Amino acid sequence: DEDEERRMYYDTKEILAAYGYERYEISNY
């Protein structure tokens, strides 16, 4: 559902940033 999908979206940003990946484009790190 929409809430679960949004949680995945925010988890992607937070987890990848914590591992040192820069988000340089909407879907690319």
PDB file of all heavy atoms in Angstrom:
ATOM      1  N   ASP A   1       0.838  -1.198   0.000  1.00  0.00           N
ATOM      2  CA  ASP A   1       0.000   0.000   0.000  1.00  0.00           C
ATOM      3  C   ASP A   1       0.875   1.251   0.000  1.00  0.00           C
ATOM      4  O   ASP A   1       2.105   1.181   0.082  1.00  0.00           O
ATOM      5  CB  ASP A   1      -0.974  -0.006   1.175  1.00  0.00           C
ATOM      6  CG  ASP A   1      -0.293   0.022   2.539  1.00  0.00           C
ATOM      7  OD1 ASP A   1       0.835   0.554   2.641  1.00  0.00           O
ATOM      8  OD2 ASP A   1      -0.882  -0.504   3.503  1.00  0.00           O
ATOM      9  N   GLU A   2       0.233   2.395  -0.100  1.00  0.00           N
ATOM     10  CA  GLU A   2       0.959   3.655  -0.253  1.00  0.00           C
ATOM     11  C   GLU A   2       1.896   3.922   0.920  1.00  0.00           C
ATOM     12  O   GLU A   2       3.035   4.373   0.730  1.00  0.00           O
ATOM     13  CB  GLU A   2      -0.043   4.806  -0.402  1.00  0.00           C
ATOM     14  CG  GLU A   2       0.596   6.132  -0.756  1.00  0.00           C
ATOM     15  CD  GLU A   2      -0.429   7.214  -1.033  1.00  0.00           C
ATOM     16  OE1 GLU A   2      -1.567   6.879  -1.397  1.00  0.00           O
ATOM     17  OE2 GLU A   2      -0.074   8.399  -0.879  1.00  0.00           O
ATOM     18  N   ASP A   3       1.439   3.639   2.140  1.00  0.00           N
ATOM     19  CA  ASP A   3       2.287   3.885   3.311  1.00  0.00           C
ATOM     20  C   ASP A   3       3.518   2.983   3.310  1.00  0.00           C
ATOM     21  O   ASP A   3       4.624   3.427   3.644  1.00  0.00           O
ATOM     22  CB  ASP A   3       1.488   3.661   4.600  1.00  0.00           C
ATOM     23  CG  ASP A   3       0.441   4.744   4.824  1.00  0.00           C
ATOM     24  OD1 ASP A   3       0.571   5.828   4.207  1.00  0.00           O
ATOM     25  OD2 ASP A   3      -0.508   4.508   5.591  1.00  0.00           O
ATOM     26  N   GLU A   4       3.321   1.706   2.931  1.00  0.00           N
ATOM     27  CA  GLU A   4       4.447   0.774   2.900  1.00  0.00           C
ATOM     28  C   GLU A   4       5.451   1.170   1.815  1.00  0.00           C
ATOM     29  O   GLU A   4       6.666   1.127   2.031  1.00  0.00           O
ATOM     30  CB  GLU A   4       3.925  -0.649   2.657  1.00  0.00           C
ATOM     31  CG  GLU A   4       4.936  -1.749   2.924  1.00  0.00           C
ATOM     32  CD  GLU A   4       5.070  -2.090   4.393  1.00  0.00           C
ATOM     33  OE1 GLU A   4       4.472  -1.387   5.231  1.00  0.00           O
ATOM     34  OE2 GLU A   4       5.785  -3.045   4.700  1.00  0.00           O
ATOM     35  N   GLU A   5       4.931   1.584   0.679  1.00  0.00           N
ATOM     36  CA  GLU A   5       5.817   2.006  -0.406  1.00  0.00           C
ATOM     37  C   GLU A   5       6.613   3.244  -0.010  1.00  0.00           C
ATOM     38  O   GLU A   5       7.805   3.361  -0.300  1.00  0.00           O
ATOM     39  CB  GLU A   5       5.009   2.276  -1.679  1.00  0.00           C
ATOM     40  CG  GLU A   5       5.878   2.622  -2.879  1.00  0.00           C
ATOM     41  CD  GLU A   5       5.091   2.722  -4.180  1.00  0.00           C
ATOM     42  OE1 GLU A   5       3.876   2.433  -4.175  1.00  0.00           O
ATOM     43  OE2 GLU A   5       5.703   3.089  -5.201  1.00  0.00           O
ATOM     44  N   ARG A   6       5.949   4.173   0.677  1.00  0.00           N
ATOM     45  CA  ARG A   6       6.641   5.387   1.122  1.00  0.00           C
ATOM     46  C   ARG A   6       7.721   5.055   2.148  1.00  0.00           C
ATOM     47  O   ARG A   6       8.786   5.656   2.155  1.00  0.00           O
ATOM     48  CB  ARG A   6       5.633   6.376   1.699  1.00  0.00           C
ATOM     49  CG  ARG A   6       6.219   7.736   2.063  1.00  0.00           C
ATOM     50  CD  ARG A   6       5.127   8.765   2.203  1.00  0.00           C
ATOM     51  NE  ARG A   6       4.515   9.033   0.914  1.00  0.00           N
ATOM     52  CZ  ARG A   6       4.971   9.920   0.036  1.00  0.00           C
ATOM     53  NH1 ARG A   6       6.068  10.605   0.306  1.00  0.00           N
ATOM     54  NH2 ARG A   6       4.362  10.116  -1.101  1.00  0.00           N
ATOM     55  N   ARG A   7       7.447   4.068   3.007  1.00  0.00           N
ATOM     56  CA  ARG A   7       8.442   3.652   3.991  1.00  0.00           C
ATOM     57  C   ARG A   7       9.690   3.106   3.272  1.00  0.00           C
ATOM     58  O   ARG A   7      10.825   3.384   3.658  1.00  0.00           O
ATOM     59  CB  ARG A   7       7.843   2.580   4.906  1.00  0.00           C
ATOM     60  CG  ARG A   7       8.753   2.070   6.011  1.00  0.00           C
ATOM     61  CD  ARG A   7       9.015   3.137   7.046  1.00  0.00           C
ATOM     62  NE  ARG A   7      10.261   3.843   6.808  1.00  0.00           N
ATOM     63  CZ  ARG A   7      10.589   5.003   7.336  1.00  0.00           C
ATOM     64  NH1 ARG A   7       9.738   5.628   8.132  1.00  0.00           N
ATOM     65  NH2 ARG A   7      11.738   5.572   7.102  1.00  0.00           N
ATOM     66  N   MET A   8       9.464   2.327   2.224  1.00  0.00           N
ATOM     67  CA  MET A   8      10.591   1.796   1.445  1.00  0.00           C
ATOM     68  C   MET A   8      11.394   2.934   0.829  1.00  0.00           C
ATOM     69  O   MET A   8      12.632   2.908   0.801  1.00  0.00           O
ATOM     70  CB  MET A   8      10.082   0.860   0.340  1.00  0.00           C
ATOM     71  CG  MET A   8       9.399  -0.393   0.826  1.00  0.00           C
ATOM     72  SD  MET A   8       8.840  -1.410  -0.582  1.00  0.00           S
ATOM     73  CE  MET A   8       7.590  -2.423   0.216  1.00  0.00           C
ATOM     74  N   TYR A   9      10.698   3.924   0.324  1.00  0.00           N
ATOM     75  CA  TYR A   9      11.343   5.068  -0.323  1.00  0.00           C
ATOM     76  C   TYR A   9      12.259   5.788   0.660  1.00  0.00           C
ATOM     77  O   TYR A   9      13.422   6.078   0.349  1.00  0.00           O
ATOM     78  CB  TYR A   9      10.248   5.998  -0.849  1.00  0.00           C
ATOM     79  CG  TYR A   9      10.727   7.337  -1.347  1.00  0.00           C
ATOM     80  CD1 TYR A   9      11.312   7.461  -2.607  1.00  0.00           C
ATOM     81  CD2 TYR A   9      10.566   8.483  -0.573  1.00  0.00           C
ATOM     82  CE1 TYR A   9      11.745   8.696  -3.073  1.00  0.00           C
ATOM     83  CE2 TYR A   9      10.994   9.719  -1.029  1.00  0.00           C
ATOM     84  CZ  TYR A   9      11.576   9.820  -2.279  1.00  0.00           C
ATOM     85  OH  TYR A   9      12.007  11.048  -2.727  1.00  0.00           O
ATOM     86  N   TYR A  10      11.757   6.066   1.849  1.00  0.00           N
ATOM     87  CA  TYR A  10      12.570   6.774   2.839  1.00  0.00           C
ATOM     88  C   TYR A  10      13.684   5.892   3.392  1.00  0.00           C
ATOM     89  O   TYR A  10      14.785   6.371   3.667  1.00  0.00           O
ATOM     90  CB  TYR A  10      11.689   7.316   3.963  1.00  0.00           C
ATOM     91  CG  TYR A  10      10.883   8.524   3.539  1.00  0.00           C
ATOM     92  CD1 TYR A  10       9.500   8.487   3.471  1.00  0.00           C
ATOM     93  CD2 TYR A  10      11.521   9.709   3.159  1.00  0.00           C
ATOM     94  CE1 TYR A  10       8.763   9.590   3.048  1.00  0.00           C
ATOM     95  CE2 TYR A  10      10.804  10.816   2.737  1.00  0.00           C
ATOM     96  CZ  TYR A  10       9.424  10.749   2.687  1.00  0.00           C
ATOM     97  OH  TYR A  10       8.707  11.844   2.262  1.00  0.00           O
ATOM     98  N   ASP A  11      13.416   4.605   3.540  1.00  0.00           N
ATOM     99  CA  ASP A  11      14.464   3.694   3.994  1.00  0.00           C
ATOM    100  C   ASP A  11      15.624   3.662   2.997  1.00  0.00           C
ATOM    101  O   ASP A  11      16.789   3.585   3.391  1.00  0.00           O
ATOM    102  CB  ASP A  11      13.910   2.276   4.166  1.00  0.00           C
ATOM    103  CG  ASP A  11      13.090   2.119   5.432  1.00  0.00           C
ATOM    104  OD1 ASP A  11      13.148   3.009   6.301  1.00  0.00           O
ATOM    105  OD2 ASP A  11      12.376   1.102   5.545  1.00  0.00           O
ATOM    106  N   THR A  12      15.310   3.716   1.704  1.00  0.00           N
ATOM    107  CA  THR A  12      16.362   3.708   0.679  1.00  0.00           C
ATOM    108  C   THR A  12      17.308   4.880   0.891  1.00  0.00           C
ATOM    109  O   THR A  12      18.532   4.716   0.931  1.00  0.00           O
ATOM    110  CB  THR A  12      15.744   3.782  -0.729  1.00  0.00           C
ATOM    111  OG1 THR A  12      14.805   2.720  -0.900  1.00  0.00           O
ATOM    112  CG2 THR A  12      16.822   3.679  -1.799  1.00  0.00           C
ATOM    113  N   LYS A  13      16.752   6.072   1.027  1.00  0.00           N
ATOM    114  CA  LYS A  13      17.579   7.268   1.228  1.00  0.00           C
ATOM    115  C   LYS A  13      18.428   7.155   2.483  1.00  0.00           C
ATOM    116  O   LYS A  13      19.636   7.418   2.467  1.00  0.00           O
ATOM    117  CB  LYS A  13      16.693   8.511   1.329  1.00  0.00           C
ATOM    118  CG  LYS A  13      15.992   8.909   0.051  1.00  0.00           C
ATOM    119  CD  LYS A  13      15.452  10.324   0.156  1.00  0.00           C
ATOM    120  CE  LYS A  13      14.488  10.485   1.331  1.00  0.00           C
ATOM    121  NZ  LYS A  13      13.972  11.872   1.433  1.00  0.00           N
ATOM    122  N   GLU A  14      17.775   6.767   3.591  1.00  0.00           N
ATOM    123  CA  GLU A  14      18.458   6.775   4.885  1.00  0.00           C
ATOM    124  C   GLU A  14      19.550   5.707   4.959  1.00  0.00           C
ATOM    125  O   GLU A  14      20.668   5.964   5.415  1.00  0.00           O
ATOM    126  CB  GLU A  14      17.439   6.567   6.002  1.00  0.00           C
ATOM    127  CG  GLU A  14      16.475   7.737   6.150  1.00  0.00           C
ATOM    128  CD  GLU A  14      15.295   7.411   7.064  1.00  0.00           C
ATOM    129  OE1 GLU A  14      15.310   6.328   7.692  1.00  0.00           O
ATOM    130  OE2 GLU A  14      14.368   8.235   7.134  1.00  0.00           O
ATOM    131  N   ILE A  15      19.234   4.496   4.489  1.00  0.00           N
ATOM    132  CA  ILE A  15      20.189   3.394   4.602  1.00  0.00           C
ATOM    133  C   ILE A  15      21.384   3.610   3.664  1.00  0.00           C
ATOM    134  O   ILE A  15      22.547   3.437   4.065  1.00  0.00           O
ATOM    135  CB  ILE A  15      19.500   2.045   4.317  1.00  0.00           C
ATOM    136  CG1 ILE A  15      18.475   1.742   5.423  1.00  0.00           C
ATOM    137  CG2 ILE A  15      20.520   0.918   4.216  1.00  0.00           C
ATOM    138  CD1 ILE A  15      17.584   0.542   5.148  1.00  0.00           C
ATOM    139  N   LEU A  16      21.122   4.008   2.431  1.00  0.00           N
ATOM    140  CA  LEU A  16      22.229   4.211   1.502  1.00  0.00           C
ATOM    141  C   LEU A  16      23.118   5.369   1.940  1.00  0.00           C
ATOM    142  O   LEU A  16      24.349   5.304   1.804  1.00  0.00           O
ATOM    143  CB  LEU A  16      21.705   4.430   0.088  1.00  0.00           C
ATOM    144  CG  LEU A  16      21.039   3.214  -0.572  1.00  0.00           C
ATOM    145  CD1 LEU A  16      20.639   3.528  -2.003  1.00  0.00           C
ATOM    146  CD2 LEU A  16      21.955   2.010  -0.562  1.00  0.00           C
ATOM    147  N   ALA A  17      22.516   6.427   2.482  1.00  0.00           N
ATOM    148  CA  ALA A  17      23.320   7.544   2.989  1.00  0.00           C
ATOM    149  C   ALA A  17      24.205   7.087   4.138  1.00  0.00           C
ATOM    150  O   ALA A  17      25.378   7.473   4.239  1.00  0.00           O
ATOM    151  CB  ALA A  17      22.411   8.682   3.427  1.00  0.00           C
ATOM    152  N   ALA A  18      23.660   6.235   5.010  1.00  0.00           N
ATOM    153  CA  ALA A  18      24.426   5.741   6.160  1.00  0.00           C
ATOM    154  C   ALA A  18      25.626   4.912   5.714  1.00  0.00           C
ATOM    155  O   ALA A  18      26.647   4.852   6.416  1.00  0.00           O
ATOM    156  CB  ALA A  18      23.522   4.920   7.077  1.00  0.00           C
ATOM    157  N   TYR A  19      25.521   4.297   4.550  1.00  0.00           N
ATOM    158  CA  TYR A  19      26.620   3.479   4.018  1.00  0.00           C
ATOM    159  C   TYR A  19      27.550   4.272   3.097  1.00  0.00           C
ATOM    160  O   TYR A  19      28.430   3.702   2.458  1.00  0.00           O
ATOM    161  CB  TYR A  19      26.066   2.271   3.261  1.00  0.00           C
ATOM    162  CG  TYR A  19      25.710   1.095   4.139  1.00  0.00           C
ATOM    163  CD1 TYR A  19      24.516   1.067   4.851  1.00  0.00           C
ATOM    164  CD2 TYR A  19      26.567  -0.001   4.249  1.00  0.00           C
ATOM    165  CE1 TYR A  19      24.174  -0.023   5.653  1.00  0.00           C
ATOM    166  CE2 TYR A  19      26.245  -1.091   5.048  1.00  0.00           C
ATOM    167  CZ  TYR A  19      25.038  -1.093   5.749  1.00  0.00           C
ATOM    168  OH  TYR A  19      24.716  -2.166   6.543  1.00  0.00           O
ATOM    169  N   GLY A  20      27.340   5.577   2.999  1.00  0.00           N
ATOM    170  CA  GLY A  20      28.256   6.419   2.243  1.00  0.00           C
ATOM    171  C   GLY A  20      27.941   6.582   0.773  1.00  0.00           C
ATOM    172  O   GLY A  20      28.814   6.978  -0.014  1.00  0.00           O
ATOM    173  N   TYR A  21      26.699   6.307   0.385  1.00  0.00           N
ATOM    174  CA  TYR A  21      26.296   6.493  -1.010  1.00  0.00           C
ATOM    175  C   TYR A  21      25.603   7.841  -1.166  1.00  0.00           C
ATOM    176  O   TYR A  21      24.651   8.147  -0.443  1.00  0.00           O
ATOM    177  CB  TYR A  21      25.351   5.383  -1.456  1.00  0.00           C
ATOM    178  CG  TYR A  21      26.027   4.040  -1.603  1.00  0.00           C
ATOM    179  CD1 TYR A  21      26.294   3.245  -0.491  1.00  0.00           C
ATOM    180  CD2 TYR A  21      26.420   3.571  -2.857  1.00  0.00           C
ATOM    181  CE1 TYR A  21      26.924   2.022  -0.614  1.00  0.00           C
ATOM    182  CE2 TYR A  21      27.049   2.344  -2.991  1.00  0.00           C
ATOM    183  CZ  TYR A  21      27.304   1.571  -1.873  1.00  0.00           C
ATOM    184  OH  TYR A  21      27.935   0.362  -1.991  1.00  0.00           O
ATOM    185  N   GLU A  22      26.081   8.631  -2.120  1.00  0.00           N
ATOM    186  CA  GLU A  22      25.485   9.934  -2.395  1.00  0.00           C
ATOM    187  C   GLU A  22      24.354   9.778  -3.392  1.00  0.00           C
ATOM    188  O   GLU A  22      24.510   9.142  -4.430  1.00  0.00           O
ATOM    189  CB  GLU A  22      26.523  10.901  -2.961  1.00  0.00           C
ATOM    190  CG  GLU A  22      25.941  12.258  -3.320  1.00  0.00           C
ATOM    191  CD  GLU A  22      26.913  13.124  -4.108  1.00  0.00           C
ATOM    192  OE1 GLU A  22      28.040  12.663  -4.394  1.00  0.00           O
ATOM    193  OE2 GLU A  22      26.536  14.259  -4.451  1.00  0.00           O
ATOM    194  N   ARG A  23      23.219  10.349  -3.063  1.00  0.00           N
ATOM    195  CA  ARG A  23      22.109  10.376  -4.003  1.00  0.00           C
ATOM    196  C   ARG A  23      22.330  11.541  -4.954  1.00  0.00           C
ATOM    197  O   ARG A  23      22.198  12.695  -4.580  1.00  0.00           O
ATOM    198  CB  ARG A  23      20.787  10.543  -3.253  1.00  0.00           C
ATOM    199  CG  ARG A  23      19.571  10.434  -4.150  1.00  0.00           C
ATOM    200  CD  ARG A  23      18.323  10.774  -3.379  1.00  0.00           C
ATOM    201  NE  ARG A  23      17.118  10.309  -4.054  1.00  0.00           N
ATOM    202  CZ  ARG A  23      15.884  10.558  -3.645  1.00  0.00           C
ATOM    203  NH1 ARG A  23      15.706  11.267  -2.538  1.00  0.00           N
ATOM    204  NH2 ARG A  23      14.845  10.101  -4.302  1.00  0.00           N
ATOM    205  N   TYR A  24      22.682  11.241  -6.203  1.00  0.00           N
ATOM    206  CA  TYR A  24      22.977  12.318  -7.145  1.00  0.00           C
ATOM    207  C   TYR A  24      21.867  12.518  -8.169  1.00  0.00           C
ATOM    208  O   TYR A  24      21.877  13.488  -8.921  1.00  0.00           O
ATOM    209  CB  TYR A  24      24.319  12.065  -7.848  1.00  0.00           C
ATOM    210  CG  TYR A  24      24.352  10.897  -8.798  1.00  0.00           C
ATOM    211  CD1 TYR A  24      24.161  11.089 -10.166  1.00  0.00           C
ATOM    212  CD2 TYR A  24      24.577   9.601  -8.343  1.00  0.00           C
ATOM    213  CE1 TYR A  24      24.192  10.021 -11.050  1.00  0.00           C
ATOM    214  CE2 TYR A  24      24.620   8.529  -9.218  1.00  0.00           C
ATOM    215  CZ  TYR A  24      24.427   8.746 -10.571  1.00  0.00           C
ATOM    216  OH  TYR A  24      24.457   7.679 -11.443  1.00  0.00           O
ATOM    217  N   GLU A  25      20.917  11.586  -8.202  1.00  0.00           N
ATOM    218  CA  GLU A  25      19.759  11.672  -9.101  1.00  0.00           C
ATOM    219  C   GLU A  25      18.608  10.966  -8.398  1.00  0.00           C
ATOM    220  O   GLU A  25      18.835  10.201  -7.452  1.00  0.00           O
ATOM    221  CB  GLU A  25      20.105  11.019 -10.438  1.00  0.00           C
ATOM    222  CG  GLU A  25      19.075  11.195 -11.544  1.00  0.00           C
ATOM    223  CD  GLU A  25      18.030  10.075 -11.567  1.00  0.00           C
ATOM    224  OE1 GLU A  25      18.261   9.031 -10.930  1.00  0.00           O
ATOM    225  OE2 GLU A  25      16.988  10.258 -12.227  1.00  0.00           O
ATOM    226  N   ILE A  26      17.393  11.213  -8.808  1.00  0.00           N
ATOM    227  CA  ILE A  26      16.234  10.741  -8.067  1.00  0.00           C
ATOM    228  C   ILE A  26      16.323   9.268  -7.688  1.00  0.00           C
ATOM    229  O   ILE A  26      16.001   8.884  -6.567  1.00  0.00           O
ATOM    230  CB  ILE A  26      14.942  11.023  -8.867  1.00  0.00           C
ATOM    231  CG1 ILE A  26      14.640  12.537  -8.850  1.00  0.00           C
ATOM    232  CG2 ILE A  26      13.757  10.247  -8.306  1.00  0.00           C
ATOM    233  CD1 ILE A  26      13.438  12.940  -9.662  1.00  0.00           C
ATOM    234  N   SER A  27      16.790   8.416  -8.595  1.00  0.00           N
ATOM    235  CA  SER A  27      16.803   6.969  -8.341  1.00  0.00           C
ATOM    236  C   SER A  27      18.204   6.370  -8.316  1.00  0.00           C
ATOM    237  O   SER A  27      18.342   5.147  -8.325  1.00  0.00           O
ATOM    238  CB  SER A  27      15.963   6.246  -9.403  1.00  0.00           C
ATOM    239  OG  SER A  27      14.628   6.703  -9.409  1.00  0.00           O
ATOM    240  N   ASN A  28      19.239   7.212  -8.276  1.00  0.00           N
ATOM    241  CA  ASN A  28      20.601   6.702  -8.391  1.00  0.00           C
ATOM    242  C   ASN A  28      21.506   7.187  -7.273  1.00  0.00           C
ATOM    243  O   ASN A  28      21.506   8.380  -6.922  1.00  0.00           O
ATOM    244  CB  ASN A  28      21.187   7.103  -9.743  1.00  0.00           C
ATOM    245  CG  ASN A  28      20.613   6.280 -10.877  1.00  0.00           C
ATOM    246  OD1 ASN A  28      21.069   5.184 -11.154  1.00  0.00           O
ATOM    247  ND2 ASN A  28      19.578   6.807 -11.532  1.00  0.00           N
ATOM    248  N   TYR A  29      22.310   6.248  -6.759  1.00  0.00           N
ATOM    249  CA  TYR A  29      23.182   6.485  -5.619  1.00  0.00           C
ATOM    250  C   TYR A  29      24.567   5.947  -5.941  1.00  0.00           C
ATOM    251  O   TYR A  29      24.702   4.875  -6.546  1.00  0.00           O
ATOM    252  CB  TYR A  29      22.648   5.761  -4.379  1.00  0.00           C
ATOM    253  CG  TYR A  29      21.237   6.137  -3.988  1.00  0.00           C
ATOM    254  CD1 TYR A  29      20.134   5.645  -4.691  1.00  0.00           C
ATOM    255  CD2 TYR A  29      20.995   6.986  -2.914  1.00  0.00           C
ATOM    256  CE1 TYR A  29      18.837   5.982  -4.330  1.00  0.00           C
ATOM    257  CE2 TYR A  29      19.699   7.329  -2.544  1.00  0.00           C
ATOM    258  CZ  TYR A  29      18.630   6.829  -3.254  1.00  0.00           C
ATOM    259  OH  TYR A  29      17.348   7.160  -2.897  1.00  0.00           O
TER     260      TYR A  29
END
